[in-house]
Amino acid sequence: MGQEKGTKEKKEITLADSDFTPKQIQTILERTPKEYIYHRPGRGKDQFDYVSIGYVIKKLNRIFGFAGWDFEVVQQEIREGHIWVLGRLTFKDNKGHTITKMQFGSAAVKFLTEPKKDEKGGFVRDANGRPMRVPTKEMVDLGDDLKAAASDALKKSAALLGIASDVYYEKEYREVPKGYFGELEPPKRDENGK
């Protein structure tokens, strides 16, 4: 039988057996609202889309609850003006199985700057007449740079789960329409919240 004119065929989405609830799956796979997508210049691209760490934390809390997930930096290194960290995101599915996603994150170390001086001690100016600045060897705040690298690792680990996959894996993303899984019930928990 043919389809009536003007109606859309519902494409089936195949998922492996999962111990996540339909509501958790729907929340993981839903499209990221435009107001949470930011843009910045990227390496080799004109523009790079990303989501904030606040958005990722909010999604993890919605999916697993405030105490249902954990993140830790398991390794870090500072080398040649860059920091890299290896982060581990751990959460539990609806049956209490522990699931782990690990990913690297990085950030540039930021250094204080000072006015650039010529050989006579005067300030070197740019084309607009402003003093040019050069980095010193003094870091601005290493703690902030470590937090940036850890945030990057958390976002990348969450993306492995599927959070913001429409942003990070645009070509592979397939939208799951709201209500695709029918009525969504909250996960049942025992008196200990598990």
C-alpha atoms as a PDB file:
ATOM      1  CA  MET A   1       0.000   0.000   0.000  1.00  0.00           C
ATOM      2  CA  GLY A   2       1.196   3.472  -0.829  1.00  0.00           C
ATOM      3  CA  GLN A   3       1.460   6.322   1.566  1.00  0.00           C
ATOM      4  CA  GLU A   4      -1.111   9.126   1.513  1.00  0.00           C
ATOM      5  CA  LYS A   5       0.054  12.364  -0.066  1.00  0.00           C
ATOM      6  CA  GLY A   6       1.357  14.878   2.463  1.00  0.00           C
ATOM      7  CA  THR A   7       2.122  12.366   5.232  1.00  0.00           C
ATOM      8  CA  LYS A   8       5.594  11.510   6.412  1.00  0.00           C
ATOM      9  CA  GLU A   9       6.777   7.963   6.805  1.00  0.00           C
ATOM     10  CA  LYS A  10       8.073   7.212  10.305  1.00  0.00           C
ATOM     11  CA  LYS A  11      11.612   5.955   9.884  1.00  0.00           C
ATOM     12  CA  GLU A  12      12.574   3.291  12.367  1.00  0.00           C
ATOM     13  CA  ILE A  13      15.564   3.914  14.588  1.00  0.00           C
ATOM     14  CA  THR A  14      17.423   0.799  15.580  1.00  0.00           C
ATOM     15  CA  LEU A  15      18.967   0.746  19.037  1.00  0.00           C
ATOM     16  CA  ALA A  16      20.853  -2.042  20.735  1.00  0.00           C
ATOM     17  CA  ASP A  17      19.265  -3.559  23.825  1.00  0.00           C
ATOM     18  CA  SER A  18      19.747  -1.080  26.619  1.00  0.00           C
ATOM     19  CA  ASP A  19      19.134  -0.835  30.310  1.00  0.00           C
ATOM     20  CA  PHE A  20      18.464   2.875  29.941  1.00  0.00           C
ATOM     21  CA  THR A  21      14.858   3.955  30.213  1.00  0.00           C
ATOM     22  CA  PRO A  22      13.108   5.313  27.116  1.00  0.00           C
ATOM     23  CA  LYS A  23      13.128   8.757  28.756  1.00  0.00           C
ATOM     24  CA  GLN A  24      16.912   8.594  29.279  1.00  0.00           C
ATOM     25  CA  ILE A  25      17.469   7.539  25.661  1.00  0.00           C
ATOM     26  CA  GLN A  26      15.160  10.295  24.401  1.00  0.00           C
ATOM     27  CA  THR A  27      17.001  12.883  26.522  1.00  0.00           C
ATOM     28  CA  ILE A  28      20.422  11.676  25.343  1.00  0.00           C
ATOM     29  CA  LEU A  29      19.451  11.706  21.662  1.00  0.00           C
ATOM     30  CA  GLU A  30      17.339  14.867  21.512  1.00  0.00           C
ATOM     31  CA  ARG A  31      18.548  17.768  19.361  1.00  0.00           C
ATOM     32  CA  THR A  32      20.510  20.466  21.179  1.00  0.00           C
ATOM     33  CA  PRO A  33      18.479  23.700  21.393  1.00  0.00           C
ATOM     34  CA  LYS A  34      20.061  26.461  19.257  1.00  0.00           C
ATOM     35  CA  GLU A  35      20.467  28.781  22.246  1.00  0.00           C
ATOM     36  CA  TYR A  36      22.954  26.311  23.767  1.00  0.00           C
ATOM     37  CA  ILE A  37      25.164  26.035  20.669  1.00  0.00           C
ATOM     38  CA  TYR A  38      28.107  28.436  20.515  1.00  0.00           C
ATOM     39  CA  HIS A  39      30.647  29.109  17.759  1.00  0.00           C
ATOM     40  CA  ARG A  40      34.364  29.870  17.719  1.00  0.00           C
ATOM     41  CA  PRO A  41      37.203  29.787  15.217  1.00  0.00           C
ATOM     42  CA  GLY A  42      38.587  26.273  14.823  1.00  0.00           C
ATOM     43  CA  ARG A  43      41.715  24.613  13.506  1.00  0.00           C
ATOM     44  CA  GLY A  44      41.400  24.075   9.758  1.00  0.00           C
ATOM     45  CA  LYS A  45      37.751  25.235   9.784  1.00  0.00           C
ATOM     46  CA  ASP A  46      36.145  28.621   9.546  1.00  0.00           C
ATOM     47  CA  GLN A  47      33.922  27.885  12.521  1.00  0.00           C
ATOM     48  CA  PHE A  48      33.644  25.259  15.240  1.00  0.00           C
ATOM     49  CA  ASP A  49      30.343  24.595  17.031  1.00  0.00           C
ATOM     50  CA  TYR A  50      30.340  23.568  20.682  1.00  0.00           C
ATOM     51  CA  VAL A  51      28.195  23.476  23.817  1.00  0.00           C
ATOM     52  CA  SER A  52      29.139  24.878  27.214  1.00  0.00           C
ATOM     53  CA  ILE A  53      30.154  22.717  30.134  1.00  0.00           C
ATOM     54  CA  GLY A  54      27.059  23.989  31.966  1.00  0.00           C
ATOM     55  CA  TYR A  55      24.808  22.504  29.282  1.00  0.00           C
ATOM     56  CA  VAL A  56      26.559  19.117  29.514  1.00  0.00           C
ATOM     57  CA  ILE A  57      26.291  19.046  33.324  1.00  0.00           C
ATOM     58  CA  LYS A  58      22.615  19.979  33.101  1.00  0.00           C
ATOM     59  CA  LYS A  59      21.995  17.132  30.631  1.00  0.00           C
ATOM     60  CA  LEU A  60      23.884  14.593  32.777  1.00  0.00           C
ATOM     61  CA  ASN A  61      21.830  15.664  35.824  1.00  0.00           C
ATOM     62  CA  ARG A  62      18.573  15.323  33.821  1.00  0.00           C
ATOM     63  CA  ILE A  63      19.525  11.887  32.526  1.00  0.00           C
ATOM     64  CA  PHE A  64      21.147  10.289  35.591  1.00  0.00           C
ATOM     65  CA  GLY A  65      20.178  12.512  38.518  1.00  0.00           C
ATOM     66  CA  PHE A  66      22.502  14.618  40.645  1.00  0.00           C
ATOM     67  CA  ALA A  67      24.148  11.604  42.293  1.00  0.00           C
ATOM     68  CA  GLY A  68      23.964   9.227  39.330  1.00  0.00           C
ATOM     69  CA  TRP A  69      27.183  10.201  37.575  1.00  0.00           C
ATOM     70  CA  ASP A  70      30.765  11.142  38.415  1.00  0.00           C
ATOM     71  CA  PHE A  71      33.737  12.633  36.577  1.00  0.00           C
ATOM     72  CA  GLU A  72      37.402  12.498  37.460  1.00  0.00           C
ATOM     73  CA  VAL A  73      40.687  13.466  35.858  1.00  0.00           C
ATOM     74  CA  VAL A  74      42.819  10.317  35.875  1.00  0.00           C
ATOM     75  CA  GLN A  75      45.920  11.767  34.226  1.00  0.00           C
ATOM     76  CA  GLN A  76      47.241  15.206  33.294  1.00  0.00           C
ATOM     77  CA  GLU A  77      50.313  16.781  31.800  1.00  0.00           C
ATOM     78  CA  ILE A  78      51.521  20.305  31.112  1.00  0.00           C
ATOM     79  CA  ARG A  79      53.898  20.562  28.172  1.00  0.00           C
ATOM     80  CA  GLU A  80      55.065  23.401  25.916  1.00  0.00           C
ATOM     81  CA  GLY A  81      52.274  25.813  26.798  1.00  0.00           C
ATOM     82  CA  HIS A  82      49.464  23.238  26.655  1.00  0.00           C
ATOM     83  CA  ILE A  83      47.643  21.088  29.171  1.00  0.00           C
ATOM     84  CA  TRP A  84      46.078  17.745  28.383  1.00  0.00           C
ATOM     85  CA  VAL A  85      44.009  15.633  30.721  1.00  0.00           C
ATOM     86  CA  LEU A  86      42.457  12.201  30.482  1.00  0.00           C
ATOM     87  CA  GLY A  87      39.002  12.252  32.040  1.00  0.00           C
ATOM     88  CA  ARG A  88      36.687   9.440  33.111  1.00  0.00           C
ATOM     89  CA  LEU A  89      32.904   9.869  33.111  1.00  0.00           C
ATOM     90  CA  THR A  90      31.143   7.146  35.102  1.00  0.00           C
ATOM     91  CA  PHE A  91      27.395   6.634  35.452  1.00  0.00           C
ATOM     92  CA  LYS A  92      24.928   3.883  36.194  1.00  0.00           C
ATOM     93  CA  ASP A  93      22.169   2.601  33.986  1.00  0.00           C
ATOM     94  CA  ASN A  94      18.670   1.817  35.243  1.00  0.00           C
ATOM     95  CA  LYS A  95      19.772  -1.633  36.518  1.00  0.00           C
ATOM     96  CA  GLY A  96      22.805  -0.347  38.408  1.00  0.00           C
ATOM     97  CA  HIS A  97      25.439  -1.385  35.863  1.00  0.00           C
ATOM     98  CA  THR A  98      28.433   0.955  35.866  1.00  0.00           C
ATOM     99  CA  ILE A  99      29.311   2.455  32.488  1.00  0.00           C
ATOM    100  CA  THR A 100      32.473   4.451  31.814  1.00  0.00           C
ATOM    101  CA  LYS A 101      33.412   6.803  28.981  1.00  0.00           C
ATOM    102  CA  MET A 102      36.950   8.213  28.805  1.00  0.00           C
ATOM    103  CA  GLN A 103      38.335  10.960  26.607  1.00  0.00           C
ATOM    104  CA  PHE A 104      41.166  13.468  26.423  1.00  0.00           C
ATOM    105  CA  GLY A 105      40.702  17.204  26.807  1.00  0.00           C
ATOM    106  CA  SER A 106      43.143  20.044  26.322  1.00  0.00           C
ATOM    107  CA  ALA A 107      43.645  23.756  26.849  1.00  0.00           C
ATOM    108  CA  ALA A 108      46.344  26.302  26.170  1.00  0.00           C
ATOM    109  CA  VAL A 109      48.211  27.698  29.175  1.00  0.00           C
ATOM    110  CA  LYS A 110      47.563  31.439  29.313  1.00  0.00           C
ATOM    111  CA  PHE A 111      50.395  33.792  30.176  1.00  0.00           C
ATOM    112  CA  LEU A 112      50.377  37.384  31.367  1.00  0.00           C
ATOM    113  CA  THR A 113      51.415  39.926  28.770  1.00  0.00           C
ATOM    114  CA  GLU A 114      53.450  43.116  28.905  1.00  0.00           C
ATOM    115  CA  PRO A 115      53.966  45.952  26.453  1.00  0.00           C
ATOM    116  CA  LYS A 116      56.517  45.188  23.753  1.00  0.00           C
ATOM    117  CA  LYS A 117      59.488  47.552  23.816  1.00  0.00           C
ATOM    118  CA  ASP A 118      61.961  48.497  21.134  1.00  0.00           C
ATOM    119  CA  GLU A 119      65.739  48.600  21.668  1.00  0.00           C
ATOM    120  CA  LYS A 120      65.510  52.169  23.085  1.00  0.00           C
ATOM    121  CA  GLY A 121      62.911  51.171  25.682  1.00  0.00           C
ATOM    122  CA  GLY A 122      59.949  52.778  23.875  1.00  0.00           C
ATOM    123  CA  PHE A 123      56.688  50.984  23.224  1.00  0.00           C
ATOM    124  CA  VAL A 124      56.206  49.254  19.886  1.00  0.00           C
ATOM    125  CA  ARG A 125      52.806  50.155  18.464  1.00  0.00           C
ATOM    126  CA  ASP A 126      50.494  48.348  16.070  1.00  0.00           C
ATOM    127  CA  ALA A 127      48.938  49.856  12.923  1.00  0.00           C
ATOM    128  CA  ASN A 128      46.207  51.488  15.072  1.00  0.00           C
ATOM    129  CA  GLY A 129      48.737  53.127  17.403  1.00  0.00           C
ATOM    130  CA  ARG A 130      48.056  50.802  20.340  1.00  0.00           C
ATOM    131  CA  PRO A 131      50.999  49.342  22.261  1.00  0.00           C
ATOM    132  CA  MET A 132      51.732  45.780  21.157  1.00  0.00           C
ATOM    133  CA  ARG A 133      51.821  43.174  23.916  1.00  0.00           C
ATOM    134  CA  VAL A 134      53.987  40.078  24.288  1.00  0.00           C
ATOM    135  CA  PRO A 135      53.534  37.087  26.617  1.00  0.00           C
ATOM    136  CA  THR A 136      55.650  36.826  29.746  1.00  0.00           C
ATOM    137  CA  LYS A 137      56.685  33.557  31.417  1.00  0.00           C
ATOM    138  CA  GLU A 138      54.198  34.161  34.245  1.00  0.00           C
ATOM    139  CA  MET A 139      50.985  32.130  34.014  1.00  0.00           C
ATOM    140  CA  VAL A 140      47.672  33.924  34.449  1.00  0.00           C
ATOM    141  CA  ASP A 141      45.977  31.141  36.445  1.00  0.00           C
ATOM    142  CA  LEU A 142      47.022  27.533  35.960  1.00  0.00           C
ATOM    143  CA  GLY A 143      43.951  26.370  37.889  1.00  0.00           C
ATOM    144  CA  ASP A 144      41.642  27.979  35.311  1.00  0.00           C
ATOM    145  CA  ASP A 145      43.589  26.336  32.487  1.00  0.00           C
ATOM    146  CA  LEU A 146      43.333  22.915  34.200  1.00  0.00           C
ATOM    147  CA  LYS A 147      39.575  23.444  34.657  1.00  0.00           C
ATOM    148  CA  ALA A 148      39.266  24.301  30.947  1.00  0.00           C
ATOM    149  CA  ALA A 149      41.078  21.080  29.965  1.00  0.00           C
ATOM    150  CA  ALA A 150      38.956  19.015  32.403  1.00  0.00           C
ATOM    151  CA  SER A 151      35.760  20.617  31.046  1.00  0.00           C
ATOM    152  CA  ASP A 152      36.871  19.735  27.518  1.00  0.00           C
ATOM    153  CA  ALA A 153      37.462  16.109  28.582  1.00  0.00           C
ATOM    154  CA  LEU A 154      34.035  15.922  30.274  1.00  0.00           C
ATOM    155  CA  LYS A 155      32.267  17.314  27.193  1.00  0.00           C
ATOM    156  CA  LYS A 156      34.092  14.859  24.926  1.00  0.00           C
ATOM    157  CA  SER A 157      33.309  11.932  27.259  1.00  0.00           C
ATOM    158  CA  ALA A 158      29.621  12.913  27.336  1.00  0.00           C
ATOM    159  CA  ALA A 159      29.633  13.170  23.534  1.00  0.00           C
ATOM    160  CA  LEU A 160      30.728   9.510  23.424  1.00  0.00           C
ATOM    161  CA  LEU A 161      27.471   8.729  25.216  1.00  0.00           C
ATOM    162  CA  GLY A 162      25.539  10.800  22.658  1.00  0.00           C
ATOM    163  CA  ILE A 163      25.024  14.122  24.452  1.00  0.00           C
ATOM    164  CA  ALA A 164      25.141  16.962  21.906  1.00  0.00           C
ATOM    165  CA  SER A 165      25.854  14.416  19.169  1.00  0.00           C
ATOM    166  CA  ASP A 166      24.027  16.665  16.708  1.00  0.00           C
ATOM    167  CA  VAL A 167      26.703  19.305  17.400  1.00  0.00           C
ATOM    168  CA  TYR A 168      29.816  17.128  17.513  1.00  0.00           C
ATOM    169  CA  TYR A 169      28.826  14.402  15.029  1.00  0.00           C
ATOM    170  CA  GLU A 170      26.525  16.341  12.714  1.00  0.00           C
ATOM    171  CA  LYS A 171      26.834  14.038   9.680  1.00  0.00           C
ATOM    172  CA  GLU A 172      26.104  10.899  11.708  1.00  0.00           C
ATOM    173  CA  TYR A 173      23.294  12.399  13.817  1.00  0.00           C
ATOM    174  CA  ARG A 174      19.771  11.133  13.332  1.00  0.00           C
ATOM    175  CA  GLU A 175      17.036  13.039  15.125  1.00  0.00           C
ATOM    176  CA  VAL A 176      14.734  11.135  17.427  1.00  0.00           C
ATOM    177  CA  PRO A 177      11.385  12.937  17.411  1.00  0.00           C
ATOM    178  CA  LYS A 178       9.825  13.797  20.766  1.00  0.00           C
ATOM    179  CA  GLY A 179       7.469  11.026  21.809  1.00  0.00           C
ATOM    180  CA  TYR A 180       9.214   8.456  19.598  1.00  0.00           C
ATOM    181  CA  PHE A 181       9.307   6.028  22.505  1.00  0.00           C
ATOM    182  CA  GLY A 182       5.699   6.729  23.540  1.00  0.00           C
ATOM    183  CA  GLU A 183       4.790   7.842  27.032  1.00  0.00           C
ATOM    184  CA  LEU A 184       7.916   8.334  29.066  1.00  0.00           C
ATOM    185  CA  GLU A 185       7.872   7.182  32.668  1.00  0.00           C
ATOM    186  CA  PRO A 186      10.457   8.357  35.185  1.00  0.00           C
ATOM    187  CA  PRO A 187      12.899   5.606  36.218  1.00  0.00           C
ATOM    188  CA  LYS A 188      11.753   3.590  39.223  1.00  0.00           C
ATOM    189  CA  ARG A 189      14.126   3.840  42.183  1.00  0.00           C
ATOM    190  CA  ASP A 190      14.245   2.102  45.528  1.00  0.00           C
ATOM    191  CA  GLU A 191      14.233   3.913  48.887  1.00  0.00           C
ATOM    192  CA  ASN A 192      18.000   4.554  48.502  1.00  0.00           C
ATOM    193  CA  GLY A 193      17.517   6.341  45.190  1.00  0.00           C
ATOM    194  CA  LYS A 194      18.972   3.478  43.110  1.00  0.00           C
END
